[in-house]
Amino acid sequence: MIAGRYSLDREIGRGGMGAVWLGRDDVLGRQVALKRIGMMSPGGSSPDLLRAEREARLAARLNHPHVVAVFDLVDEDDQQWLVMEYVEGSTLAELVRSSGALSPDQAAQIIAQAAEALAAAHEAGIVHRDVKPSNILVTPEGQVKLSDFGIARAEADASLTQTGLVTGSPAYISPEVASGRQATDLSDVWSLGATLYHALAGRPPYDIGDNVIGGLYRIVHEDPPRLADAGWLTPLLESSMVVDPHERWSMRQVVDFLRAGPTAVPPTPARRLRPLATDGDASSTQVMSAVLPRAEADPGTRAPRTSRPSRLLPLLAAVGVVALLTVIGVLIGLNRGDDTDNPSADNSPSDSNTRPSARVTQAGMEEFGRSYPETASSDTAEGFSLLTPAYQDESPNYDEFWGNVSNVDVQDVQADPEAMTVTYTYSYDHTENGQVTETIRLTLEGTDGDYKISGAETLDGP
């Protein structure tokens, strides 16, 4: 008996974080799935536990019919158990393994439901980061549930991220994530496209095997694979598995296309390539920048203490390379369950004419503002990386200030997407000044999941 109410029946699966058991909630009288996270010393912590807590917290924010519900997270005899909705059925990976490649119509019915779950997640400021066939559950009635938000993250939450850390399953991660960049909602679009490829082809889009580094290199440097017989889903494959994230459809556009069926008219991403006005050569192209112009601070206000010498940038880059290499072993374990050839493998709406693919939303900006002070105080290198290069050069005292800050408590966050500013009030303990409360306004560049601070001012405080 777990936590005095959950009885265990039998083990029904095993994933990257641990075993999954079928059980029963004796209080409410219903079947549940319990994921055992592992052993931990009393009072300790572990990456698996942090992932479990993250999964519970993020899934609780998504009350959606196509997302596996998380009911509870409990401790029992120094073990952690994640209590979830029990979904009877099989994963998409198992379905393809047993029945073979799906037809375009069959695949569309499954992928559309997963896309609806992901679109809801993105609108809530959540990036899944591990979309793959083994995380898509299909019931005998054809209902789809998206599972395993264990490595998902709220946008701009850097608490489980290190510079250069690649997280996800190698055969399905996007080129930008494979190269060590932060995952965004557009990275999920690629992964869903790769999952669709698997469903239509009966195999993953990339044969990773044990050569993870070689597989990542192909994802980053080679043209994406294509299928000759994808039928009416061909435009979706070609517009999701495209190297430039800004050329991908948004997840909401994916949903609309799939729901429209074979007669659907492919949408057009807003940020397409446009002609360069150079030497009169209209055939040259460049990618339209997602970064908005920097807003200048009022000269009558003083900048907050948010700076660090730019000489650290080469060091940060070197650390990123080391982190990327050390995480390769983790990637191999995360890929289990999707390789068909390995039987043992287990809110604010955006304007469709301006930002359907990568958006600026109030929720995304507020998530950034809420997490930034904690990030800067707990990891000054990570916090410094959230400044634009120009603002880094203007911030020579970043370590001096944030290195003396602790016990951060962000009390209020308000974002203005039109002005590209986020304002927060926070209190903290300073080694020299004691307890301090300040109100800060940050000026941001970029889009949800990829914001940088280009300026800041102190509105209230010492």
Protein backbone atom coordinates (compact mmCIF):
# COMPACT_ATOMS: atom_id res chain seq x y z
CA MET A 1 0.00 0.00 0.00
CA ILE A 2 1.39 3.40 -1.03
CA ALA A 3 0.56 6.46 1.10
CA GLY A 4 -2.20 4.50 2.81
CA ARG A 5 -4.49 4.56 -0.25
CA TYR A 6 -2.80 3.22 -3.41
CA SER A 7 -2.51 -0.56 -3.82
CA LEU A 8 -0.20 -2.06 -6.45
CA ASP A 9 -1.34 -4.70 -8.91
CA ARG A 10 1.37 -5.39 -11.51
CA GLU A 11 4.13 -3.69 -13.44
CA ILE A 12 2.85 -2.52 -16.83
CA GLY A 13 5.78 -0.59 -18.22
CA ARG A 14 9.22 0.81 -17.71
CA GLY A 15 10.56 4.15 -18.88
CA GLY A 16 13.50 6.48 -18.50
CA MET A 17 12.53 7.44 -14.93
CA GLY A 18 11.52 4.05 -13.57
CA ALA A 19 8.85 1.34 -13.47
CA VAL A 20 5.15 2.00 -14.01
CA TRP A 21 2.59 -0.08 -12.12
CA LEU A 22 -1.12 -0.60 -12.49
CA GLY A 23 -2.72 0.17 -9.15
CA ARG A 24 -5.93 1.20 -7.44
CA ASP A 25 -6.91 4.28 -5.50
CA ASP A 26 -8.78 2.65 -2.61
CA VAL A 27 -10.17 5.98 -1.43
CA LEU A 28 -11.82 6.96 -4.73
CA GLY A 29 -12.24 3.42 -6.05
CA ARG A 30 -10.52 3.86 -9.43
CA GLN A 31 -7.60 2.39 -11.32
CA VAL A 32 -4.45 4.47 -11.48
CA ALA A 33 -0.95 4.19 -12.91
CA LEU A 34 1.91 4.68 -10.49
CA LYS A 35 5.37 5.55 -11.72
CA ARG A 36 8.15 4.63 -9.29
CA ILE A 37 10.85 7.27 -9.49
CA GLY A 38 13.56 5.50 -7.48
CA MET A 39 15.44 5.48 -4.21
CA MET A 40 16.66 8.63 -2.56
CA SER A 41 18.41 9.33 0.69
CA PRO A 42 16.20 10.97 3.34
CA GLY A 43 16.10 14.72 2.84
CA GLY A 44 17.96 14.41 -0.45
CA SER A 45 17.11 15.24 -4.01
CA SER A 46 17.73 13.78 -7.43
CA PRO A 47 17.21 14.71 -11.08
CA ASP A 48 14.51 12.02 -11.35
CA LEU A 49 12.61 13.48 -8.41
CA LEU A 50 12.87 16.95 -9.87
CA ARG A 51 11.52 15.60 -13.15
CA ALA A 52 8.63 13.91 -11.34
CA GLU A 53 7.77 17.08 -9.49
CA ARG A 54 7.97 18.97 -12.75
CA GLU A 55 5.67 16.46 -14.45
CA ALA A 56 3.11 16.76 -11.67
CA ARG A 57 3.24 20.55 -11.64
CA LEU A 58 3.04 21.02 -15.41
CA ALA A 59 0.39 18.35 -15.99
CA ALA A 60 -1.73 19.94 -13.27
CA ARG A 61 -1.73 23.13 -15.35
CA LEU A 62 -3.09 21.23 -18.36
CA ASN A 63 -6.63 20.04 -17.81
CA HIS A 64 -7.01 18.65 -21.30
CA PRO A 65 -8.75 15.52 -22.64
CA HIS A 66 -5.65 14.48 -24.58
CA VAL A 67 -3.13 14.85 -21.73
CA VAL A 68 -2.57 12.10 -19.16
CA ALA A 69 -3.74 13.53 -15.85
CA VAL A 70 -1.41 13.50 -12.84
CA PHE A 71 -3.24 13.01 -9.55
CA ASP A 72 -0.58 12.88 -6.87
CA LEU A 73 3.12 12.76 -5.97
CA VAL A 74 3.88 10.83 -2.79
CA ASP A 75 6.85 9.61 -0.77
CA GLU A 76 6.90 6.09 0.62
CA ASP A 77 9.93 4.51 2.30
CA ASP A 78 12.39 6.87 0.62
CA GLN A 79 10.80 6.18 -2.78
CA GLN A 80 8.79 8.60 -4.84
CA TRP A 81 5.63 7.62 -6.71
CA LEU A 82 3.86 9.67 -9.36
CA VAL A 83 0.15 8.78 -9.39
CA MET A 84 -1.44 9.23 -12.81
CA GLU A 85 -4.53 8.49 -14.84
CA TYR A 86 -4.48 4.91 -16.10
CA VAL A 87 -4.90 4.75 -19.87
CA GLU A 88 -5.76 1.33 -21.23
CA GLY A 89 -4.27 0.80 -24.66
CA SER A 90 -0.88 0.91 -26.33
CA THR A 91 1.65 3.50 -27.34
CA LEU A 92 1.91 4.67 -30.93
CA ALA A 93 5.33 3.00 -31.06
CA GLU A 94 3.80 -0.35 -30.03
CA LEU A 95 0.92 0.11 -32.46
CA VAL A 96 3.27 0.65 -35.40
CA ARG A 97 5.52 -2.20 -34.25
CA SER A 98 2.61 -4.67 -34.16
CA SER A 99 0.51 -3.44 -37.10
CA GLY A 100 3.03 -1.78 -39.40
CA ALA A 101 2.98 1.64 -41.00
CA LEU A 102 -0.28 3.59 -40.82
CA SER A 103 -2.16 5.12 -43.72
CA PRO A 104 -2.29 8.93 -43.90
CA ASP A 105 -5.89 8.96 -42.65
CA GLN A 106 -5.09 6.64 -39.73
CA ALA A 107 -2.01 8.63 -38.77
CA ALA A 108 -3.90 11.94 -39.01
CA GLN A 109 -6.52 10.80 -36.49
CA ILE A 110 -3.83 10.07 -33.90
CA ILE A 111 -1.47 12.95 -34.58
CA ALA A 112 -4.31 15.50 -34.61
CA GLN A 113 -5.25 14.63 -31.02
CA ALA A 114 -1.63 14.84 -29.87
CA ALA A 115 -1.31 18.18 -31.67
CA GLU A 116 -4.36 19.51 -29.82
CA ALA A 117 -2.73 18.61 -26.50
CA LEU A 118 0.52 20.28 -27.53
CA ALA A 119 -1.26 23.39 -28.79
CA ALA A 120 -2.93 23.73 -25.39
CA ALA A 121 0.43 23.25 -23.68
CA HIS A 122 2.06 25.92 -25.83
CA GLU A 123 -0.73 28.37 -25.15
CA ALA A 124 -0.10 27.77 -21.43
CA GLY A 125 3.61 28.51 -21.91
CA ILE A 126 4.73 24.87 -21.68
CA VAL A 127 7.12 23.12 -24.06
CA HIS A 128 6.96 19.31 -23.87
CA ARG A 129 10.51 18.65 -25.22
CA ASP A 130 10.10 14.86 -25.56
CA VAL A 131 7.38 14.28 -28.14
CA LYS A 132 7.82 10.79 -29.59
CA PRO A 133 5.71 7.70 -30.43
CA SER A 134 6.22 6.03 -27.04
CA ASN A 135 4.77 9.09 -25.28
CA ILE A 136 1.54 8.98 -27.30
CA LEU A 137 -0.99 6.54 -25.82
CA VAL A 138 -3.86 5.23 -27.96
CA THR A 139 -6.93 3.56 -26.43
CA PRO A 140 -8.86 0.77 -28.21
CA GLU A 141 -11.51 3.40 -29.05
CA GLY A 142 -8.90 5.57 -30.76
CA GLN A 143 -8.62 8.26 -28.08
CA VAL A 144 -5.11 9.68 -27.72
CA LYS A 145 -3.38 10.79 -24.53
CA LEU A 146 -0.03 12.59 -24.46
CA SER A 147 2.15 11.47 -21.57
CA ASP A 148 5.47 12.12 -19.84
CA PHE A 149 5.89 15.79 -19.18
CA GLY A 150 8.84 14.74 -17.02
CA ILE A 151 11.35 16.77 -19.01
CA ALA A 152 8.88 19.40 -20.13
CA ARG A 153 9.53 22.91 -18.91
CA ALA A 154 7.62 26.08 -18.54
CA GLU A 155 9.18 28.55 -20.96
CA ALA A 156 12.13 30.45 -19.45
CA ASP A 157 12.34 28.10 -16.44
CA ALA A 158 16.04 27.23 -16.38
CA SER A 159 16.10 25.23 -13.14
CA LEU A 160 16.91 21.92 -14.88
CA THR A 161 18.88 23.38 -17.77
CA GLN A 162 22.61 23.75 -18.22
CA THR A 163 24.38 25.56 -21.01
CA GLY A 164 24.64 23.16 -23.96
CA LEU A 165 22.46 20.48 -22.36
CA VAL A 166 20.49 18.51 -24.96
CA THR A 167 17.30 16.94 -23.62
CA GLY A 168 14.97 14.67 -25.54
CA SER A 169 15.00 11.47 -27.59
CA PRO A 170 17.68 11.62 -30.31
CA ALA A 171 15.64 10.34 -33.27
CA TYR A 172 12.93 12.94 -32.72
CA ILE A 173 14.67 16.08 -31.45
CA SER A 174 14.90 19.16 -33.66
CA PRO A 175 18.14 20.46 -35.21
CA GLU A 176 18.27 23.46 -32.87
CA VAL A 177 17.93 21.24 -29.79
CA ALA A 178 20.46 18.75 -31.19
CA SER A 179 22.93 21.62 -31.45
CA GLY A 180 22.39 22.55 -27.79
CA ARG A 181 19.93 25.42 -28.07
CA GLN A 182 16.89 25.85 -25.86
CA ALA A 183 13.75 24.01 -26.94
CA THR A 184 10.71 26.08 -27.92
CA ASP A 185 7.19 25.29 -29.08
CA LEU A 186 8.61 25.08 -32.61
CA SER A 187 10.91 22.29 -31.43
CA ASP A 188 7.81 20.33 -30.42
CA VAL A 189 6.45 20.90 -33.94
CA TRP A 190 9.54 19.21 -35.42
CA SER A 191 9.25 16.31 -32.96
CA LEU A 192 5.59 15.80 -33.80
CA GLY A 193 6.53 15.81 -37.49
CA ALA A 194 9.20 13.20 -36.79
CA THR A 195 6.59 11.16 -34.91
CA LEU A 196 4.26 11.42 -37.91
CA TYR A 197 7.12 10.24 -40.13
CA HIS A 198 7.52 7.18 -37.87
CA ALA A 199 3.81 6.42 -38.08
CA LEU A 200 3.74 6.65 -41.88
CA ALA A 201 7.05 4.92 -42.58
CA GLY A 202 6.91 2.29 -39.84
CA ARG A 203 10.34 3.41 -38.59
CA PRO A 204 11.99 6.46 -37.02
CA PRO A 205 13.18 9.24 -39.32
CA TYR A 206 16.77 8.71 -38.15
CA ASP A 207 18.53 5.44 -37.39
CA ILE A 208 20.41 6.55 -34.29
CA GLY A 209 21.44 3.21 -32.79
CA ASP A 210 24.45 3.56 -30.50
CA ASN A 211 26.03 6.31 -32.61
CA VAL A 212 24.26 9.20 -30.90
CA ILE A 213 26.85 11.82 -31.83
CA GLY A 214 26.69 10.80 -35.49
CA GLY A 215 22.90 10.89 -35.38
CA LEU A 216 22.87 14.37 -33.88
CA TYR A 217 25.31 15.53 -36.55
CA ARG A 218 23.00 14.29 -39.32
CA ILE A 219 19.99 15.99 -37.76
CA VAL A 220 21.84 19.31 -37.61
CA HIS A 221 23.73 19.22 -40.92
CA GLU A 222 21.78 17.06 -43.37
CA ASP A 223 18.51 17.75 -45.17
CA PRO A 224 15.53 16.26 -43.31
CA PRO A 225 14.33 12.88 -44.62
CA ARG A 226 11.25 12.83 -46.83
CA LEU A 227 8.63 10.20 -47.67
CA ALA A 228 7.42 9.59 -51.21
CA ASP A 229 4.05 8.18 -50.13
CA ALA A 230 2.85 10.48 -47.35
CA GLY A 231 -0.28 11.40 -49.34
CA TRP A 232 -2.15 14.50 -48.23
CA LEU A 233 0.08 14.73 -45.14
CA THR A 234 3.13 15.60 -47.27
CA PRO A 235 2.79 19.38 -46.67
CA LEU A 236 2.66 18.78 -42.91
CA LEU A 237 5.80 16.63 -42.94
CA GLU A 238 7.68 19.15 -45.05
CA SER A 239 6.55 22.12 -42.94
CA SER A 240 7.24 20.53 -39.56
CA MET A 241 10.55 18.81 -40.30
CA VAL A 242 12.28 21.88 -41.71
CA VAL A 243 15.63 23.01 -40.31
CA ASP A 244 14.75 26.69 -39.84
CA PRO A 245 12.31 26.83 -36.90
CA HIS A 246 10.72 30.00 -38.24
CA GLU A 247 9.68 28.16 -41.39
CA ARG A 248 7.61 25.64 -39.41
CA TRP A 249 3.90 25.87 -38.85
CA SER A 250 2.68 26.65 -35.37
CA MET A 251 1.08 23.77 -33.47
CA ARG A 252 -2.30 25.44 -33.83
CA GLN A 253 -1.82 25.52 -37.61
CA VAL A 254 -0.96 21.80 -37.48
CA VAL A 255 -4.24 21.13 -35.67
CA ASP A 256 -6.26 23.16 -38.17
CA PHE A 257 -4.63 21.40 -41.13
CA LEU A 258 -5.25 17.91 -39.74
CA ARG A 259 -8.84 18.67 -38.76
CA ALA A 260 -9.58 19.99 -42.27
CA GLY A 261 -8.62 16.62 -43.77
CA PRO A 262 -7.41 15.77 -47.29
CA THR A 263 -8.88 18.97 -48.75
CA ALA A 264 -6.94 21.19 -46.32
CA VAL A 265 -5.12 24.18 -47.75
CA PRO A 266 -1.58 24.34 -46.30
CA PRO A 267 -1.10 27.47 -44.17
CA THR A 268 1.83 29.82 -44.61
CA PRO A 269 4.15 30.61 -41.69
CA ALA A 270 4.34 34.37 -41.17
CA ARG A 271 8.10 34.59 -40.94
CA ARG A 272 9.10 33.34 -44.39
CA LEU A 273 12.32 34.15 -46.20
CA ARG A 274 12.21 37.62 -47.77
CA PRO A 275 14.39 39.25 -50.48
CA LEU A 276 17.51 41.12 -49.51
CA ALA A 277 17.76 44.67 -50.84
CA THR A 278 21.45 44.31 -51.63
CA ASP A 279 22.98 45.32 -54.97
CA GLY A 280 19.53 45.00 -56.51
CA ASP A 281 19.63 41.19 -56.31
CA ALA A 282 16.08 40.24 -55.39
CA SER A 283 16.89 36.54 -55.55
CA SER A 284 18.97 36.65 -52.39
CA THR A 285 17.12 35.82 -49.21
CA GLN A 286 17.52 36.21 -45.49
CA VAL A 287 15.58 35.04 -42.47
CA MET A 288 13.37 37.69 -40.94
CA SER A 289 14.53 38.28 -37.39
CA ALA A 290 12.30 37.33 -34.50
CA VAL A 291 14.05 39.85 -32.26
CA LEU A 292 12.22 43.09 -31.80
CA PRO A 293 14.09 46.44 -31.70
CA ARG A 294 15.65 47.24 -28.38
CA ALA A 295 13.64 49.67 -26.28
CA GLU A 296 15.77 52.45 -24.84
CA ALA A 297 15.50 53.05 -21.11
CA ASP A 298 14.32 56.42 -19.83
CA PRO A 299 17.50 58.43 -19.12
CA GLY A 300 15.91 59.61 -15.89
CA THR A 301 15.86 56.12 -14.40
CA ARG A 302 18.75 54.09 -13.11
CA ALA A 303 19.58 50.60 -14.29
CA PRO A 304 19.28 47.75 -11.80
CA ARG A 305 22.24 45.67 -10.82
CA THR A 306 22.23 43.13 -13.67
CA SER A 307 25.71 42.89 -15.18
CA ARG A 308 28.75 40.68 -15.73
CA PRO A 309 32.05 41.00 -17.62
CA SER A 310 31.79 39.82 -21.23
CA ARG A 311 35.10 37.97 -20.91
CA LEU A 312 33.09 35.02 -19.49
CA LEU A 313 31.43 34.30 -22.82
CA PRO A 314 34.24 32.05 -24.19
CA LEU A 315 34.23 30.13 -20.92
CA LEU A 316 30.47 29.62 -21.11
CA ALA A 317 30.81 28.29 -24.64
CA ALA A 318 33.47 25.79 -23.53
CA VAL A 319 31.28 24.63 -20.64
CA GLY A 320 28.46 24.11 -23.14
CA VAL A 321 30.57 21.74 -25.24
CA VAL A 322 31.52 19.68 -22.19
CA ALA A 323 27.91 19.50 -21.01
CA LEU A 324 26.75 18.38 -24.45
CA LEU A 325 29.23 15.50 -24.51
CA THR A 326 28.43 14.34 -20.97
CA VAL A 327 24.70 14.13 -21.63
CA ILE A 328 24.99 11.77 -24.64
CA GLY A 329 24.59 8.69 -22.45
CA VAL A 330 21.34 10.05 -21.05
CA LEU A 331 19.99 10.54 -24.57
CA ILE A 332 20.45 6.85 -25.39
CA GLY A 333 18.29 5.85 -22.43
CA LEU A 334 15.60 8.36 -23.30
CA ASN A 335 15.21 6.93 -26.82
CA ARG A 336 13.91 3.53 -25.70
CA GLY A 337 10.49 2.45 -26.84
CA ASP A 338 10.40 4.10 -30.28
CA ASP A 339 12.82 2.18 -32.48
CA THR A 340 10.69 -0.27 -34.46
CA ASP A 341 13.71 -2.44 -35.18
CA ASN A 342 14.43 -2.92 -31.48
CA PRO A 343 11.69 -5.06 -29.92
CA SER A 344 13.12 -4.58 -26.44
CA ALA A 345 12.75 -0.78 -26.70
CA ASP A 346 10.09 0.18 -24.77
CA ASN A 347 -2.99 33.30 -23.15
CA SER A 348 -3.29 35.26 -25.30
CA PRO A 349 -4.09 34.35 -28.85
CA SER A 350 -1.58 35.44 -31.46
CA ASP A 351 -2.28 37.34 -34.64
CA SER A 352 -2.09 34.83 -37.48
CA ASN A 353 -0.58 37.49 -39.70
CA THR A 354 2.27 38.31 -37.36
CA ARG A 355 3.41 35.45 -35.11
CA PRO A 356 1.70 32.07 -35.61
CA SER A 357 4.94 30.08 -35.21
CA ALA A 358 6.89 31.81 -32.42
CA ARG A 359 4.79 34.17 -30.38
CA VAL A 360 4.99 36.87 -27.78
CA THR A 361 2.36 36.15 -25.13
CA GLN A 362 1.65 37.68 -21.76
CA ALA A 363 1.89 34.26 -20.11
CA GLY A 364 5.27 33.52 -21.68
CA MET A 365 6.69 36.91 -20.70
CA GLU A 366 5.39 36.63 -17.15
CA GLU A 367 6.90 33.15 -16.83
CA PHE A 368 10.25 34.63 -17.83
CA GLY A 369 9.93 37.48 -15.33
CA ARG A 370 8.91 35.09 -12.57
CA SER A 371 11.85 32.74 -13.09
CA TYR A 372 14.63 35.18 -13.92
CA PRO A 373 15.50 36.48 -10.39
CA GLU A 374 15.72 32.93 -9.03
CA THR A 375 17.84 31.84 -11.99
CA ALA A 376 20.22 34.79 -11.66
CA SER A 377 20.68 34.33 -7.91
CA SER A 378 21.17 30.55 -8.03
CA ASP A 379 23.30 30.39 -11.21
CA THR A 380 24.85 33.69 -12.25
CA ALA A 381 26.26 32.21 -15.45
CA GLU A 382 22.82 31.06 -16.54
CA GLY A 383 21.31 34.38 -15.57
CA PHE A 384 23.98 36.28 -17.47
CA SER A 385 23.24 34.20 -20.58
CA LEU A 386 19.69 35.62 -20.54
CA LEU A 387 21.04 39.10 -21.34
CA THR A 388 21.55 40.26 -24.91
CA PRO A 389 25.22 40.64 -25.91
CA ALA A 390 24.86 44.43 -25.91
CA TYR A 391 23.38 44.44 -22.41
CA GLN A 392 26.05 42.03 -21.20
CA ASP A 393 28.64 44.61 -22.22
CA GLU A 394 26.75 47.21 -20.18
CA SER A 395 26.68 44.97 -17.10
CA PRO A 396 30.18 44.70 -15.59
CA ASN A 397 28.95 44.09 -12.03
CA TYR A 398 26.61 41.17 -12.60
CA ASP A 399 28.49 38.68 -10.38
CA GLU A 400 29.13 41.29 -7.72
CA PHE A 401 25.40 41.84 -7.24
CA TRP A 402 23.72 38.51 -7.96
CA GLY A 403 26.43 36.51 -6.19
CA ASN A 404 25.34 38.15 -2.93
CA VAL A 405 21.60 37.55 -3.41
CA SER A 406 19.68 34.65 -1.84
CA ASN A 407 16.18 33.67 -0.71
CA VAL A 408 14.49 35.32 -3.67
CA ASP A 409 10.71 35.72 -3.45
CA VAL A 410 8.95 37.09 -6.54
CA GLN A 411 5.64 38.56 -5.38
CA ASP A 412 4.06 40.13 -8.45
CA VAL A 413 4.68 39.89 -12.20
CA GLN A 414 2.97 41.89 -14.94
CA ALA A 415 3.84 41.80 -18.64
CA ASP A 416 3.07 44.21 -21.47
CA PRO A 417 3.55 42.36 -24.78
CA GLU A 418 3.01 45.53 -26.81
CA ALA A 419 5.84 47.34 -25.04
CA MET A 420 7.91 44.15 -24.67
CA THR A 421 8.34 44.80 -20.94
CA VAL A 422 7.79 42.67 -17.86
CA THR A 423 7.63 44.22 -14.39
CA TYR A 424 8.09 42.30 -11.17
CA THR A 425 8.34 43.04 -7.47
CA TYR A 426 10.63 40.79 -5.49
CA SER A 427 12.30 40.55 -2.12
CA TYR A 428 15.65 38.96 -1.36
CA ASP A 429 18.41 38.72 1.21
CA HIS A 430 21.62 40.58 0.38
CA THR A 431 24.84 39.78 2.24
CA GLU A 432 25.61 43.48 2.74
CA ASN A 433 22.24 45.23 2.63
CA GLY A 434 20.03 42.73 4.45
CA GLN A 435 16.50 42.14 3.25
CA VAL A 436 15.54 44.21 0.21
CA THR A 437 12.34 44.68 -1.77
CA GLU A 438 12.48 46.16 -5.27
CA THR A 439 10.30 46.61 -8.32
CA ILE A 440 12.13 46.03 -11.61
CA ARG A 441 11.06 46.52 -15.21
CA LEU A 442 12.85 44.44 -17.84
CA THR A 443 12.80 45.19 -21.55
CA LEU A 444 12.85 41.97 -23.56
CA GLU A 445 13.73 40.84 -27.05
CA GLY A 446 12.67 37.62 -28.74
CA THR A 447 9.63 35.38 -28.40
CA ASP A 448 8.14 32.89 -25.92
CA GLY A 449 10.78 30.41 -24.85
CA ASP A 450 13.65 32.49 -26.21
CA TYR A 451 13.61 35.86 -24.44
CA LYS A 452 16.69 37.97 -23.74
CA ILE A 453 16.95 41.05 -21.54
CA SER A 454 17.99 44.12 -23.50
CA GLY A 455 17.48 46.69 -20.76
CA ALA A 456 16.19 47.18 -17.22
CA GLU A 457 15.25 49.86 -14.74
CA THR A 458 14.48 50.02 -11.05
CA LEU A 459 11.03 51.49 -10.44
CA ASP A 460 10.98 51.20 -6.67
CA GLY A 461 13.58 50.21 -4.14
CA PRO A 462 16.73 51.38 -2.33
